[in-house]
Amino acid sequence: MAFKKRSWLPPLIIIPSIVLLILMFMVRPQPPQRAVERPPVLVDAVQVQTENVQFTVAAQGNVKPKHMTNIVTQVSGQVVEVSEQFVNGGFFKQGDVLLRIDPADYQVALQSAKAAHAQAQAALAEESARAKVAKDEWESLQLGEIPALGIREPQVASALAAVLSAEAAVDKAQRDLERTVIRAPFDGILQNKSADIGQFLTMNSTVGALYGSEVAEIRIPLSDRDLAYIDLPDNAQSGSFPKVVLTSTVAGQPTTWTGHLVRSEGVLDPQSRVIFGVVEVTDPYNQAGQTHGEPLRFGRFVEVAIEGIEVANVIRLPRYALLADNSVWVVDNERRLQRKNVSIVRSEAQHVFIDDGLQAGDWVVLTQLTNALPSMKVRLVDDVATVDADHE
């Protein structure tokens, strides 16, 4: 019986203790509550300034010779001599001998033509003398008007025609003899050699292709938008043509050359809807001296940068600062966002150029904001740096 009375003691002690703890927890003083303020969004911004910009237009193309021709024989015969430079890649000056064809037959033909010419001249002299004798006899007889046949005018005319024909034959034989020597029509580099010593060539045989080495051309595609930024007059001196810088990699090193955009072809390509311009580079192989740091070889692929027009008082911005609707976020003096529409004069791969909508000194936001709203409070990186410096 005493055991049953003691079994109630633990609950009588524990329960009041729990109640007392709960009451003490409820009546304890609460710590002061502080409102949690969310700081403004930190953004990166740039203070824009106006500048004068020289635009460039980028393009690309392959280097080709301005002049190229197939060297063709005008006479037939066996090749008896070739120049030491008559190899693929050999250089020639205008008038240099490429090869010679056996001239023996043409020398004989020239001698025969000269002999025939001499005979024709002798026949003409004989007929002229006979005509004079006939005229003198007729006049001495005083028989009236002299008929043409009486003074041998037809015979003299026939002899004169024979002389002219013989002279033409001499000229042709002389030209054929000269054509046995095949010369370079202009300064160039030989490509596709197709004849050699001992080979018999017929008339109109191709002996090789010659590429002119005085001027190289690069044909580049230009859109109507590109032409708007290029000052290409219809008639101009060479000095006023837009300057062009060509870039390519030679032996692992970037190399540049300079040239000029001299003309456009004037016809739109029906497939690509572009117009082709032509860039010229003088002395690409440095034949006239050290014109370029490295020779600009035909067939090389080059990147082209064309000097365009200059535009004044424009603002340059990174392309990613521009929103989809051609507007930008600007931070005002109260550090609040304002949206401004801008006018773009030119858009490039990395930058846009603005000529209206912004003023010098405006802070343009560069940070990509997903949920930005007008008048939203922001902080600038410069503001944070200033506060940190003050605390130090």
Protein backbone atom coordinates (compact mmCIF):
# COMPACT_ATOMS: atom_id res chain seq x y z
CA MET A 1 0.00 0.00 0.00
CA ALA A 2 2.89 2.32 0.77
CA PHE A 3 4.40 1.47 -2.65
CA LYS A 4 1.27 2.63 -4.48
CA LYS A 5 1.39 6.01 -2.70
CA ARG A 6 5.03 6.60 -3.71
CA SER A 7 4.26 5.82 -7.43
CA TRP A 8 2.37 9.11 -7.76
CA LEU A 9 5.25 11.23 -6.60
CA PRO A 10 7.26 11.38 -9.88
CA PRO A 11 4.34 12.61 -12.00
CA LEU A 12 3.43 15.16 -9.35
CA ILE A 13 6.96 16.51 -9.57
CA ILE A 14 7.50 16.34 -13.36
CA ILE A 15 4.21 17.82 -14.54
CA PRO A 16 4.41 21.01 -12.47
CA SER A 17 8.03 21.40 -13.55
CA ILE A 18 7.04 21.24 -17.24
CA VAL A 19 4.24 23.72 -16.70
CA LEU A 20 6.61 26.05 -14.91
CA LEU A 21 9.14 25.89 -17.77
CA ILE A 22 6.45 26.66 -20.34
CA LEU A 23 5.27 29.66 -18.35
CA MET A 24 8.81 30.94 -17.97
CA PHE A 25 9.44 30.59 -21.75
CA MET A 26 6.24 32.46 -22.54
CA VAL A 27 6.91 35.37 -20.24
CA ARG A 28 10.58 35.88 -21.14
CA PRO A 29 11.40 39.20 -22.88
CA GLN A 30 11.52 38.99 -26.74
CA PRO A 31 14.58 40.33 -28.57
CA PRO A 32 13.93 43.41 -30.74
CA GLN A 33 12.94 42.57 -34.35
CA ARG A 34 14.88 44.28 -37.11
CA ALA A 35 13.41 44.73 -40.55
CA VAL A 36 15.44 42.90 -43.27
CA GLU A 37 16.08 45.32 -46.11
CA ARG A 38 17.11 43.97 -49.47
CA PRO A 39 19.98 46.03 -50.94
CA PRO A 40 19.60 47.42 -54.49
CA VAL A 41 20.90 45.33 -57.37
CA LEU A 42 24.58 45.81 -58.08
CA VAL A 43 25.15 46.59 -61.77
CA ASP A 44 28.16 47.31 -63.95
CA ALA A 45 27.81 50.54 -65.95
CA VAL A 46 30.00 52.66 -68.18
CA GLN A 47 29.94 56.43 -68.56
CA VAL A 48 29.76 56.98 -72.32
CA GLN A 49 31.53 59.65 -74.34
CA THR A 50 31.21 60.73 -77.97
CA GLU A 51 34.04 60.08 -80.41
CA ASN A 52 34.91 60.24 -84.08
CA VAL A 53 35.04 56.75 -85.58
CA GLN A 54 36.73 55.55 -88.77
CA PHE A 55 34.63 52.61 -89.89
CA THR A 56 36.12 49.52 -91.52
CA VAL A 57 34.38 46.93 -93.66
CA ALA A 58 35.53 43.33 -93.34
CA ALA A 59 35.61 40.85 -96.22
CA GLN A 60 37.69 37.97 -97.53
CA GLY A 61 38.82 36.53 -100.82
CA ASN A 62 41.53 34.78 -102.85
CA VAL A 63 44.53 36.50 -104.44
CA LYS A 64 44.60 36.31 -108.24
CA PRO A 65 46.65 38.03 -110.96
CA LYS A 66 45.11 41.01 -112.72
CA HIS A 67 46.46 39.75 -116.06
CA MET A 68 46.74 36.11 -117.07
CA THR A 69 47.13 34.54 -120.47
CA ASN A 70 47.91 31.27 -122.21
CA ILE A 71 51.06 31.48 -124.33
CA VAL A 72 50.17 30.02 -127.77
CA THR A 73 52.43 29.37 -130.75
CA GLN A 74 51.69 31.20 -134.01
CA VAL A 75 53.96 28.97 -136.10
CA SER A 76 54.81 25.30 -136.06
CA GLY A 77 58.17 23.64 -135.59
CA GLN A 78 60.53 21.92 -133.20
CA VAL A 79 61.59 23.62 -129.96
CA VAL A 80 65.34 24.14 -130.13
CA GLU A 81 65.90 26.36 -127.08
CA VAL A 82 64.14 27.11 -123.79
CA SER A 83 64.96 29.70 -121.16
CA GLU A 84 66.42 28.61 -117.82
CA GLN A 85 63.42 30.34 -116.21
CA PHE A 86 60.96 28.38 -118.35
CA VAL A 87 59.77 26.29 -115.40
CA ASN A 88 56.68 26.42 -113.23
CA GLY A 89 57.14 29.43 -110.98
CA GLY A 90 59.80 31.07 -113.16
CA PHE A 91 59.73 34.87 -113.38
CA PHE A 92 59.95 36.80 -116.66
CA LYS A 93 60.17 40.45 -117.63
CA GLN A 94 58.23 41.79 -120.57
CA GLY A 95 60.05 40.80 -123.78
CA ASP A 96 62.14 38.01 -122.23
CA VAL A 97 62.54 34.92 -124.41
CA LEU A 98 60.55 31.90 -123.21
CA LEU A 99 61.55 29.47 -125.95
CA ARG A 100 62.65 29.30 -129.59
CA ILE A 101 61.28 27.21 -132.43
CA ASP A 102 63.64 26.00 -135.19
CA PRO A 103 63.80 29.02 -137.56
CA ALA A 104 65.50 27.28 -140.54
CA ASP A 105 62.37 26.76 -142.64
CA TYR A 106 61.17 30.29 -141.95
CA GLN A 107 64.54 31.78 -142.87
CA VAL A 108 64.32 29.95 -146.21
CA ALA A 109 60.75 31.14 -146.67
CA LEU A 110 61.88 34.72 -146.03
CA GLN A 111 64.66 34.46 -148.59
CA SER A 112 62.22 33.03 -151.14
CA ALA A 113 59.77 35.85 -150.46
CA LYS A 114 62.52 38.44 -150.88
CA ALA A 115 63.58 36.82 -154.17
CA ALA A 116 60.03 36.85 -155.43
CA HIS A 117 59.77 40.48 -154.41
CA ALA A 118 62.92 41.31 -156.35
CA GLN A 119 61.55 39.53 -159.46
CA ALA A 120 58.28 41.43 -159.15
CA GLN A 121 60.14 44.72 -158.89
CA ALA A 122 62.17 43.83 -161.98
CA ALA A 123 59.00 42.95 -163.90
CA LEU A 124 57.44 46.23 -162.84
CA ALA A 125 60.50 48.15 -163.99
CA GLU A 126 60.41 46.36 -167.36
CA GLU A 127 56.72 47.04 -167.91
CA SER A 128 57.17 50.65 -166.87
CA ALA A 129 59.93 51.05 -169.46
CA ARG A 130 57.83 49.46 -172.18
CA ALA A 131 54.95 51.74 -171.31
CA LYS A 132 57.18 54.79 -171.62
CA VAL A 133 58.51 53.65 -175.00
CA ALA A 134 54.96 53.02 -176.24
CA LYS A 135 53.82 56.43 -175.06
CA ASP A 136 56.75 58.17 -176.78
CA GLU A 137 56.08 56.36 -180.08
CA TRP A 138 52.38 57.18 -179.97
CA GLU A 139 53.05 60.85 -179.31
CA SER A 140 55.60 60.98 -182.13
CA LEU A 141 53.02 59.70 -184.59
CA GLN A 142 50.46 62.25 -183.42
CA LEU A 143 47.61 59.78 -183.72
CA GLY A 144 45.38 61.53 -181.21
CA GLU A 145 44.34 60.31 -177.81
CA ILE A 146 46.45 57.42 -176.52
CA PRO A 147 44.45 54.28 -175.54
CA ALA A 148 45.25 52.64 -172.23
CA LEU A 149 46.24 49.40 -173.91
CA GLY A 150 48.53 51.28 -176.24
CA ILE A 151 50.70 52.53 -173.42
CA ARG A 152 50.48 49.14 -171.56
CA GLU A 153 48.61 50.49 -168.50
CA PRO A 154 47.04 47.05 -167.70
CA GLN A 155 50.45 45.37 -167.83
CA VAL A 156 51.97 48.01 -165.54
CA ALA A 157 49.09 47.68 -163.09
CA SER A 158 49.49 43.89 -163.06
CA ALA A 159 53.23 44.21 -162.41
CA LEU A 160 52.58 46.70 -159.61
CA ALA A 161 50.06 44.35 -157.99
CA ALA A 162 52.65 41.58 -158.18
CA VAL A 163 55.14 43.82 -156.36
CA LEU A 164 52.63 44.63 -153.61
CA SER A 165 51.80 40.94 -153.24
CA ALA A 166 55.50 40.09 -153.02
CA GLU A 167 55.99 42.78 -150.37
CA ALA A 168 53.13 41.31 -148.33
CA ALA A 169 54.70 37.87 -148.67
CA VAL A 170 58.02 39.26 -147.39
CA ASP A 171 56.26 40.86 -144.41
CA LYS A 172 54.47 37.61 -143.58
CA ALA A 173 57.67 35.59 -143.86
CA GLN A 174 59.43 38.12 -141.64
CA ARG A 175 56.65 37.91 -139.04
CA ASP A 176 56.68 34.11 -139.13
CA LEU A 177 60.43 34.15 -138.57
CA GLU A 178 60.01 36.53 -135.61
CA ARG A 179 57.27 34.32 -134.20
CA THR A 180 59.71 31.45 -133.85
CA VAL A 181 60.93 33.36 -130.78
CA ILE A 182 58.22 33.28 -128.11
CA ARG A 183 58.50 36.17 -125.67
CA ALA A 184 56.73 37.18 -122.45
CA PRO A 185 53.99 39.74 -123.23
CA PHE A 186 54.26 41.26 -119.72
CA ASP A 187 56.09 40.82 -116.43
CA GLY A 188 54.86 37.59 -114.92
CA ILE A 189 55.30 34.18 -113.40
CA LEU A 190 54.99 31.02 -115.48
CA GLN A 191 52.34 28.46 -114.59
CA ASN A 192 51.43 25.12 -116.17
CA LYS A 193 54.47 24.62 -118.40
CA SER A 194 53.40 22.38 -121.28
CA ALA A 195 56.31 22.39 -123.77
CA ASP A 196 59.99 21.52 -123.64
CA ILE A 197 63.09 21.32 -125.80
CA GLY A 198 62.91 18.88 -128.71
CA GLN A 199 59.10 18.88 -128.77
CA PHE A 200 57.36 19.54 -132.08
CA LEU A 201 54.69 22.18 -131.76
CA THR A 202 51.92 22.83 -134.21
CA MET A 203 50.33 26.22 -134.74
CA ASN A 204 48.09 27.33 -131.83
CA SER A 205 49.78 24.94 -129.38
CA THR A 206 49.71 26.13 -125.74
CA VAL A 207 53.18 26.19 -124.21
CA GLY A 208 52.21 27.54 -120.76
CA ALA A 209 50.19 30.04 -118.75
CA LEU A 210 51.66 33.36 -117.65
CA TYR A 211 50.32 35.24 -114.62
CA GLY A 212 51.09 38.95 -114.50
CA SER A 213 53.21 39.78 -111.44
CA GLU A 214 52.82 43.57 -111.54
CA VAL A 215 49.35 43.73 -109.94
CA ALA A 216 47.36 41.25 -107.85
CA GLU A 217 43.59 41.37 -107.45
CA ILE A 218 41.26 40.16 -104.70
CA ARG A 219 37.59 39.88 -105.58
CA ILE A 220 35.50 40.45 -102.44
CA PRO A 221 31.72 40.34 -101.84
CA LEU A 222 30.12 43.54 -100.55
CA SER A 223 26.53 44.01 -99.45
CA ASP A 224 24.57 47.23 -100.00
CA ARG A 225 25.05 47.95 -96.29
CA ASP A 226 28.83 47.61 -96.68
CA LEU A 227 28.85 50.03 -99.62
CA ALA A 228 27.10 52.62 -97.44
CA TYR A 229 30.26 52.84 -95.31
CA ILE A 230 32.78 52.93 -98.17
CA ASP A 231 33.67 56.09 -100.08
CA LEU A 232 34.26 54.67 -103.54
CA PRO A 233 34.06 57.41 -106.20
CA ASP A 234 33.30 56.44 -109.78
CA ASN A 235 36.24 58.36 -111.19
CA ALA A 236 39.23 58.98 -108.96
CA GLN A 237 42.97 59.02 -108.93
CA SER A 238 44.75 56.05 -107.37
CA GLY A 239 45.59 57.99 -104.23
CA SER A 240 41.93 58.60 -103.36
CA PHE A 241 40.87 54.97 -103.47
CA PRO A 242 39.95 53.45 -100.07
CA LYS A 243 42.95 51.88 -98.38
CA VAL A 244 42.77 48.14 -97.70
CA VAL A 245 44.73 46.01 -95.24
CA LEU A 246 45.05 42.33 -96.09
CA THR A 247 45.90 39.75 -93.44
CA SER A 248 46.92 36.10 -93.68
CA THR A 249 49.14 33.60 -91.89
CA VAL A 250 52.52 32.92 -93.50
CA ALA A 251 54.71 30.21 -91.93
CA GLY A 252 52.65 30.41 -88.78
CA GLN A 253 53.02 34.19 -88.44
CA PRO A 254 50.29 36.78 -89.14
CA THR A 255 51.34 38.93 -92.11
CA THR A 256 49.78 42.06 -93.59
CA TRP A 257 49.84 43.76 -96.98
CA THR A 258 48.32 47.03 -98.17
CA GLY A 259 46.28 47.72 -101.27
CA HIS A 260 43.35 49.79 -102.53
CA LEU A 261 39.74 49.13 -103.42
CA VAL A 262 39.76 50.37 -107.01
CA ARG A 263 36.31 49.52 -108.30
CA SER A 264 33.13 47.52 -107.96
CA GLU A 265 31.85 45.22 -110.69
CA GLY A 266 28.54 47.07 -110.74
CA VAL A 267 26.27 44.00 -111.02
CA LEU A 268 24.51 42.21 -108.17
CA ASP A 269 25.12 38.48 -107.97
CA PRO A 270 21.70 36.84 -108.57
CA GLN A 271 22.28 34.10 -105.98
CA SER A 272 23.92 35.92 -103.06
CA ARG A 273 22.51 39.40 -103.81
CA VAL A 274 25.91 41.00 -103.20
CA ILE A 275 28.09 43.16 -105.41
CA PHE A 276 31.73 42.29 -105.86
CA GLY A 277 34.51 44.80 -105.29
CA VAL A 278 38.07 44.49 -106.58
CA VAL A 279 41.13 45.18 -104.43
CA GLU A 280 44.47 45.74 -106.16
CA VAL A 281 47.92 45.20 -104.65
CA THR A 282 50.89 46.44 -106.66
CA ASP A 283 54.09 44.42 -106.97
CA PRO A 284 52.81 41.44 -104.96
CA TYR A 285 56.02 39.42 -105.51
CA ASN A 286 58.41 42.27 -104.63
CA GLN A 287 59.86 42.31 -108.15
CA ALA A 288 60.35 46.09 -108.02
CA GLY A 289 61.97 46.03 -104.55
CA GLN A 290 60.96 45.31 -100.98
CA THR A 291 57.43 46.61 -101.48
CA HIS A 292 55.96 44.22 -98.89
CA GLY A 293 57.35 42.36 -95.92
CA GLU A 294 56.46 39.04 -97.56
CA PRO A 295 55.44 38.24 -101.14
CA LEU A 296 51.69 38.02 -101.63
CA ARG A 297 51.41 34.78 -103.58
CA PHE A 298 48.62 34.05 -106.01
CA GLY A 299 46.04 31.65 -104.60
CA ARG A 300 46.45 32.80 -100.98
CA PHE A 301 43.27 33.32 -98.95
CA VAL A 302 43.27 36.67 -97.14
CA GLU A 303 41.12 38.59 -94.69
CA VAL A 304 40.37 42.11 -95.91
CA ALA A 305 39.75 45.28 -93.87
CA ILE A 306 38.58 48.21 -96.02
CA GLU A 307 38.98 51.76 -94.74
CA GLY A 308 35.49 53.24 -94.60
CA ILE A 309 33.98 56.64 -93.98
CA GLU A 310 34.54 58.64 -90.77
CA VAL A 311 31.53 59.50 -88.59
CA ALA A 312 31.68 62.22 -85.93
CA ASN A 313 30.11 62.34 -82.46
CA VAL A 314 28.97 58.75 -82.07
CA ILE A 315 28.93 56.59 -78.96
CA ARG A 316 30.51 53.14 -78.98
CA LEU A 317 28.91 50.45 -76.80
CA PRO A 318 29.42 46.70 -76.40
CA ARG A 319 26.83 44.87 -78.43
CA TYR A 320 25.51 43.00 -75.38
CA ALA A 321 24.47 46.31 -73.75
CA LEU A 322 21.80 46.76 -76.43
CA LEU A 323 18.35 45.31 -75.73
CA ALA A 324 16.24 43.53 -78.30
CA ASP A 325 14.11 46.60 -79.06
CA ASN A 326 17.13 48.85 -79.72
CA SER A 327 17.08 50.42 -76.27
CA VAL A 328 19.49 50.53 -73.32
CA TRP A 329 19.22 50.86 -69.54
CA VAL A 330 20.60 54.12 -68.16
CA VAL A 331 21.24 54.93 -64.46
CA ASP A 332 20.13 58.45 -63.49
CA ASN A 333 21.52 60.65 -60.72
CA GLU A 334 19.26 58.97 -58.13
CA ARG A 335 20.66 55.59 -59.08
CA ARG A 336 17.41 54.49 -60.70
CA LEU A 337 17.02 52.70 -64.01
CA GLN A 338 15.66 54.55 -67.02
CA ARG A 339 15.08 52.99 -70.44
CA LYS A 340 16.19 54.94 -73.50
CA ASN A 341 15.62 54.19 -77.17
CA VAL A 342 18.68 54.74 -79.32
CA SER A 343 19.48 55.17 -83.01
CA ILE A 344 22.17 52.83 -84.32
CA VAL A 345 24.35 54.09 -87.13
CA ARG A 346 26.33 50.83 -87.46
CA SER A 347 26.27 47.42 -85.81
CA GLU A 348 29.36 45.18 -85.76
CA ALA A 349 30.13 41.79 -84.26
CA GLN A 350 31.38 43.23 -80.95
CA HIS A 351 30.14 46.82 -80.86
CA VAL A 352 27.28 49.10 -81.83
CA PHE A 353 27.64 52.78 -82.70
CA ILE A 354 24.89 55.14 -81.57
CA ASP A 355 24.30 58.62 -83.00
CA ASP A 356 21.07 59.55 -81.17
CA GLY A 357 19.31 58.74 -77.89
CA LEU A 358 22.28 59.08 -75.52
CA GLN A 359 24.34 61.99 -74.27
CA ALA A 360 27.95 62.19 -73.22
CA GLY A 361 28.21 61.38 -69.52
CA ASP A 362 25.24 58.97 -69.36
CA TRP A 363 25.79 55.83 -67.31
CA VAL A 364 24.77 52.87 -69.51
CA VAL A 365 24.18 49.53 -67.81
CA LEU A 366 26.32 46.66 -69.11
CA THR A 367 24.95 43.99 -66.75
CA GLN A 368 22.33 41.66 -68.22
CA LEU A 369 19.18 42.29 -66.12
CA THR A 370 16.36 39.76 -66.36
CA ASN A 371 13.60 41.44 -64.33
CA ALA A 372 14.53 45.08 -64.60
CA LEU A 373 11.84 47.76 -64.35
CA PRO A 374 11.96 51.51 -64.90
CA SER A 375 12.80 53.49 -61.73
CA MET A 376 14.22 50.39 -60.05
CA LYS A 377 16.94 51.27 -57.53
CA VAL A 378 20.42 49.97 -58.36
CA ARG A 379 23.97 50.29 -57.13
CA LEU A 380 27.01 50.93 -59.25
CA VAL A 381 30.35 49.21 -58.86
CA ASP A 382 31.96 52.63 -58.34
CA ASP A 383 29.54 53.32 -55.45
CA VAL A 384 30.54 50.10 -53.65
CA ALA A 385 34.23 50.89 -54.13
CA THR A 386 33.74 54.39 -52.67
CA VAL A 387 31.92 53.05 -49.57
CA ASP A 388 34.63 50.47 -48.94
CA ALA A 389 37.30 53.14 -49.17
CA ASP A 390 35.45 55.31 -46.64
CA HIS A 391 35.25 52.41 -44.14
CA GLU A 392 38.95 51.86 -44.41
